[in-house]
N, C-alpha and C. Protein backbone atom coordinates (compact mmCIF):
# COMPACT_ATOMS: atom_id res chain seq x y z
N MET A 1 64.90 116.95 96.49
CA MET A 1 65.99 116.45 95.67
C MET A 1 66.73 117.63 95.03
N THR A 2 67.91 117.33 94.57
CA THR A 2 68.77 118.35 93.98
C THR A 2 68.47 118.54 92.50
N GLU A 3 69.32 119.34 91.87
CA GLU A 3 69.19 119.58 90.44
C GLU A 3 69.35 118.29 89.64
N ASN A 4 70.16 117.36 90.16
CA ASN A 4 70.37 116.07 89.51
C ASN A 4 69.97 114.96 90.49
N PRO A 5 68.67 114.65 90.55
CA PRO A 5 68.21 113.66 91.53
C PRO A 5 68.84 112.28 91.34
N ALA A 6 69.14 111.91 90.11
CA ALA A 6 69.76 110.61 89.87
C ALA A 6 71.13 110.55 90.55
N ARG A 7 71.90 111.63 90.45
CA ARG A 7 73.23 111.67 91.07
C ARG A 7 73.13 111.53 92.59
N GLU A 8 72.14 112.21 93.17
CA GLU A 8 71.94 112.14 94.62
C GLU A 8 71.64 110.70 95.06
N VAL A 9 70.78 110.03 94.32
CA VAL A 9 70.43 108.64 94.66
C VAL A 9 71.65 107.74 94.49
N VAL A 10 72.41 107.94 93.41
CA VAL A 10 73.61 107.12 93.18
C VAL A 10 74.61 107.32 94.31
N ASP A 11 74.79 108.55 94.77
CA ASP A 11 75.71 108.81 95.87
C ASP A 11 75.27 108.06 97.14
N GLN A 12 74.00 108.10 97.43
CA GLN A 12 73.48 107.39 98.61
C GLN A 12 73.62 105.88 98.43
N LEU A 13 73.35 105.40 97.23
CA LEU A 13 73.49 103.98 96.93
C LEU A 13 74.94 103.54 97.09
N ALA A 14 75.87 104.33 96.59
CA ALA A 14 77.29 104.01 96.71
C ALA A 14 77.71 103.93 98.17
N HIS A 15 77.22 104.84 98.98
CA HIS A 15 77.53 104.81 100.42
C HIS A 15 77.03 103.51 101.06
N LEU A 16 75.82 103.13 100.73
CA LEU A 16 75.27 101.88 101.28
C LEU A 16 76.06 100.66 100.80
N LEU A 17 76.45 100.66 99.54
CA LEU A 17 77.22 99.53 99.02
C LEU A 17 78.59 99.45 99.68
N ASP A 18 79.19 100.60 99.97
CA ASP A 18 80.46 100.60 100.71
C ASP A 18 80.27 99.96 102.08
N GLN A 19 79.19 100.31 102.76
CA GLN A 19 78.90 99.73 104.08
C GLN A 19 78.64 98.23 103.97
N ALA A 20 77.92 97.83 102.94
CA ALA A 20 77.57 96.41 102.78
C ALA A 20 78.78 95.54 102.49
N THR A 21 79.83 96.13 101.96
CA THR A 21 81.02 95.35 101.61
C THR A 21 82.16 95.55 102.61
N ASP A 22 81.89 96.24 103.69
CA ASP A 22 82.90 96.48 104.73
C ASP A 22 83.06 95.21 105.58
N ALA A 23 84.15 94.50 105.35
CA ALA A 23 84.38 93.22 106.03
C ALA A 23 84.60 93.37 107.53
N THR A 24 84.80 94.59 108.00
CA THR A 24 84.98 94.79 109.45
C THR A 24 83.63 94.84 110.18
N THR A 25 82.55 94.90 109.44
CA THR A 25 81.20 94.93 110.01
C THR A 25 80.64 93.50 109.99
N PRO A 26 79.92 93.11 111.05
CA PRO A 26 79.30 91.77 111.04
C PRO A 26 78.38 91.59 109.83
N VAL A 27 78.23 90.35 109.42
CA VAL A 27 77.54 90.06 108.16
C VAL A 27 76.05 90.39 108.19
N LEU A 28 75.35 90.16 109.29
CA LEU A 28 73.90 90.43 109.30
C LEU A 28 73.58 91.91 109.08
N PRO A 29 74.27 92.83 109.74
CA PRO A 29 74.01 94.24 109.41
C PRO A 29 74.38 94.58 107.97
N ARG A 30 75.38 93.92 107.41
CA ARG A 30 75.73 94.15 106.01
C ARG A 30 74.62 93.67 105.09
N ILE A 31 73.97 92.57 105.44
CA ILE A 31 72.83 92.11 104.64
C ILE A 31 71.70 93.13 104.71
N ALA A 32 71.43 93.65 105.91
CA ALA A 32 70.38 94.66 106.06
C ALA A 32 70.70 95.90 105.23
N THR A 33 71.96 96.27 105.19
CA THR A 33 72.37 97.42 104.39
C THR A 33 72.17 97.14 102.90
N ALA A 34 72.47 95.92 102.47
CA ALA A 34 72.26 95.55 101.07
C ALA A 34 70.77 95.59 100.71
N VAL A 35 69.93 95.19 101.64
CA VAL A 35 68.48 95.25 101.40
C VAL A 35 68.07 96.72 101.23
N ALA A 36 68.58 97.60 102.09
CA ALA A 36 68.27 99.03 101.97
C ALA A 36 68.78 99.57 100.64
N ALA A 37 69.93 99.09 100.18
CA ALA A 37 70.48 99.55 98.90
C ALA A 37 69.53 99.20 97.76
N GLY A 38 68.83 98.08 97.88
CA GLY A 38 67.86 97.70 96.86
C GLY A 38 66.78 98.74 96.68
N ALA A 39 66.36 99.35 97.78
CA ALA A 39 65.34 100.40 97.70
C ALA A 39 65.88 101.63 96.97
N TYR A 40 67.14 101.96 97.19
CA TYR A 40 67.76 103.08 96.48
C TYR A 40 67.91 102.78 94.99
N TYR A 41 68.24 101.53 94.68
CA TYR A 41 68.34 101.12 93.28
C TYR A 41 66.99 101.29 92.58
N GLU A 42 65.92 100.87 93.24
CA GLU A 42 64.58 101.02 92.67
C GLU A 42 64.24 102.50 92.50
N THR A 43 64.64 103.32 93.45
CA THR A 43 64.41 104.76 93.34
C THR A 43 65.16 105.33 92.14
N LEU A 44 66.39 104.88 91.95
CA LEU A 44 67.17 105.33 90.79
C LEU A 44 66.47 104.98 89.49
N LEU A 45 65.96 103.75 89.40
CA LEU A 45 65.22 103.36 88.20
C LEU A 45 64.01 104.26 87.98
N ARG A 46 63.29 104.56 89.05
CA ARG A 46 62.10 105.41 88.94
C ARG A 46 62.47 106.82 88.46
N VAL A 47 63.55 107.36 89.00
CA VAL A 47 64.01 108.69 88.58
C VAL A 47 64.36 108.67 87.09
N LEU A 48 65.12 107.65 86.67
CA LEU A 48 65.55 107.58 85.27
C LEU A 48 64.38 107.35 84.32
N VAL A 49 63.44 106.51 84.72
CA VAL A 49 62.25 106.30 83.89
C VAL A 49 61.45 107.60 83.79
N GLY A 50 61.34 108.32 84.89
CA GLY A 50 60.65 109.62 84.85
C GLY A 50 61.34 110.59 83.91
N GLN A 51 62.67 110.60 83.94
CA GLN A 51 63.41 111.47 83.03
C GLN A 51 63.19 111.06 81.57
N ALA A 52 63.18 109.76 81.33
CA ALA A 52 62.94 109.27 79.96
C ALA A 52 61.55 109.69 79.49
N ARG A 53 60.57 109.54 80.34
CA ARG A 53 59.20 109.93 79.98
C ARG A 53 59.12 111.43 79.73
N ASP A 54 59.81 112.22 80.58
CA ASP A 54 59.81 113.68 80.40
C ASP A 54 60.44 114.07 79.07
N LYS A 55 61.36 113.27 78.57
CA LYS A 55 62.02 113.55 77.28
C LYS A 55 61.25 112.96 76.10
N GLY A 56 60.07 112.37 76.38
CA GLY A 56 59.21 111.91 75.31
C GLY A 56 59.33 110.44 74.94
N HIS A 57 60.12 109.69 75.68
CA HIS A 57 60.23 108.25 75.37
C HIS A 57 58.92 107.56 75.73
N THR A 58 58.55 106.59 74.93
CA THR A 58 57.27 105.91 75.10
C THR A 58 57.43 104.70 76.03
N TRP A 59 56.29 104.21 76.48
CA TRP A 59 56.29 102.99 77.29
C TRP A 59 56.80 101.82 76.46
N GLU A 60 56.57 101.84 75.16
CA GLU A 60 57.07 100.78 74.29
C GLU A 60 58.60 100.77 74.27
N GLU A 61 59.21 101.95 74.17
CA GLU A 61 60.67 102.03 74.19
C GLU A 61 61.23 101.54 75.52
N LEU A 62 60.60 101.96 76.60
CA LEU A 62 61.05 101.52 77.92
C LEU A 62 60.85 100.02 78.10
N ALA A 63 59.78 99.49 77.55
CA ALA A 63 59.53 98.05 77.64
C ALA A 63 60.65 97.27 76.96
N ASP A 64 61.16 97.79 75.85
CA ASP A 64 62.29 97.14 75.18
C ASP A 64 63.52 97.09 76.08
N VAL A 65 63.78 98.18 76.80
CA VAL A 65 64.93 98.23 77.71
C VAL A 65 64.77 97.24 78.85
N PHE A 66 63.56 97.13 79.39
CA PHE A 66 63.30 96.25 80.53
C PHE A 66 62.94 94.82 80.11
N VAL A 67 62.89 94.60 78.82
CA VAL A 67 62.54 93.28 78.26
C VAL A 67 61.22 92.79 78.88
N THR A 68 60.22 93.61 78.69
CA THR A 68 58.87 93.29 79.18
C THR A 68 57.87 93.96 78.24
N THR A 69 56.64 93.97 78.63
CA THR A 69 55.60 94.60 77.83
C THR A 69 55.43 96.06 78.25
N PRO A 70 54.87 96.89 77.37
CA PRO A 70 54.59 98.26 77.77
C PRO A 70 53.69 98.31 79.01
N MET A 71 52.69 97.43 79.07
CA MET A 71 51.80 97.40 80.24
C MET A 71 52.60 97.04 81.50
N GLY A 72 53.55 96.12 81.37
CA GLY A 72 54.35 95.70 82.52
C GLY A 72 55.21 96.84 83.06
N VAL A 73 55.88 97.55 82.17
CA VAL A 73 56.74 98.63 82.62
C VAL A 73 55.91 99.81 83.13
N LYS A 74 54.78 100.05 82.49
CA LYS A 74 53.90 101.13 82.93
C LYS A 74 53.32 100.84 84.31
N SER A 75 52.91 99.60 84.53
CA SER A 75 52.34 99.27 85.84
C SER A 75 53.38 99.33 86.95
N ARG A 76 54.66 99.11 86.60
CA ARG A 76 55.72 99.18 87.60
C ARG A 76 56.11 100.62 87.92
N PHE A 77 56.14 101.49 86.91
CA PHE A 77 56.72 102.81 87.11
C PHE A 77 55.76 103.99 87.03
N ASP A 78 54.58 103.80 86.52
CA ASP A 78 53.65 104.93 86.40
C ASP A 78 52.79 105.01 87.64
N THR A 79 52.36 106.21 87.97
CA THR A 79 51.50 106.37 89.14
C THR A 79 50.03 106.18 88.77
N TYR A 80 49.71 106.24 87.48
CA TYR A 80 48.34 106.07 87.02
C TYR A 80 47.99 104.59 86.99
N ARG A 81 46.84 104.24 87.50
CA ARG A 81 46.37 102.85 87.46
C ARG A 81 45.08 102.79 86.65
N SER A 82 45.05 101.89 85.69
CA SER A 82 43.88 101.74 84.85
C SER A 82 42.95 100.69 85.44
N TYR A 83 41.69 100.81 85.13
CA TYR A 83 40.72 99.81 85.54
C TYR A 83 40.39 98.95 84.33
N ALA A 84 39.92 97.76 84.58
CA ALA A 84 39.61 96.80 83.52
C ALA A 84 38.78 97.47 82.44
N GLY A 85 39.18 97.27 81.19
CA GLY A 85 38.43 97.79 80.07
C GLY A 85 38.82 99.19 79.65
N GLU A 86 39.61 99.89 80.46
CA GLU A 86 40.04 101.24 80.09
C GLU A 86 41.34 101.16 79.32
N GLU A 87 41.45 101.99 78.32
CA GLU A 87 42.68 102.04 77.54
C GLU A 87 43.70 102.88 78.30
N LEU A 88 44.96 102.41 78.32
CA LEU A 88 46.01 103.16 79.00
C LEU A 88 46.53 104.26 78.08
N PRO A 89 46.60 105.49 78.57
CA PRO A 89 47.20 106.55 77.76
C PRO A 89 48.70 106.36 77.74
N ASP A 90 49.36 106.86 76.68
CA ASP A 90 50.82 106.72 76.61
C ASP A 90 51.46 107.69 77.51
């Protein structure tokens, strides 16, 4: 990735969205392109959450943004997986 990984993902996402809305292309390939764009959107969220964590934002703060619990946002975006009975580190 580049110096600004979020920008790189957004550029790729924009390209896919342009393809998905191109009325000269048959609709089924446009749907497939929109599905691929969803993966880029998820990547963008992961990059931004990683940046937020690097800047010291807590899982509680991120949970407020995602309107979920800290455990919910952590389980979606963190690479660490806790086992039953273990306390999750922030």
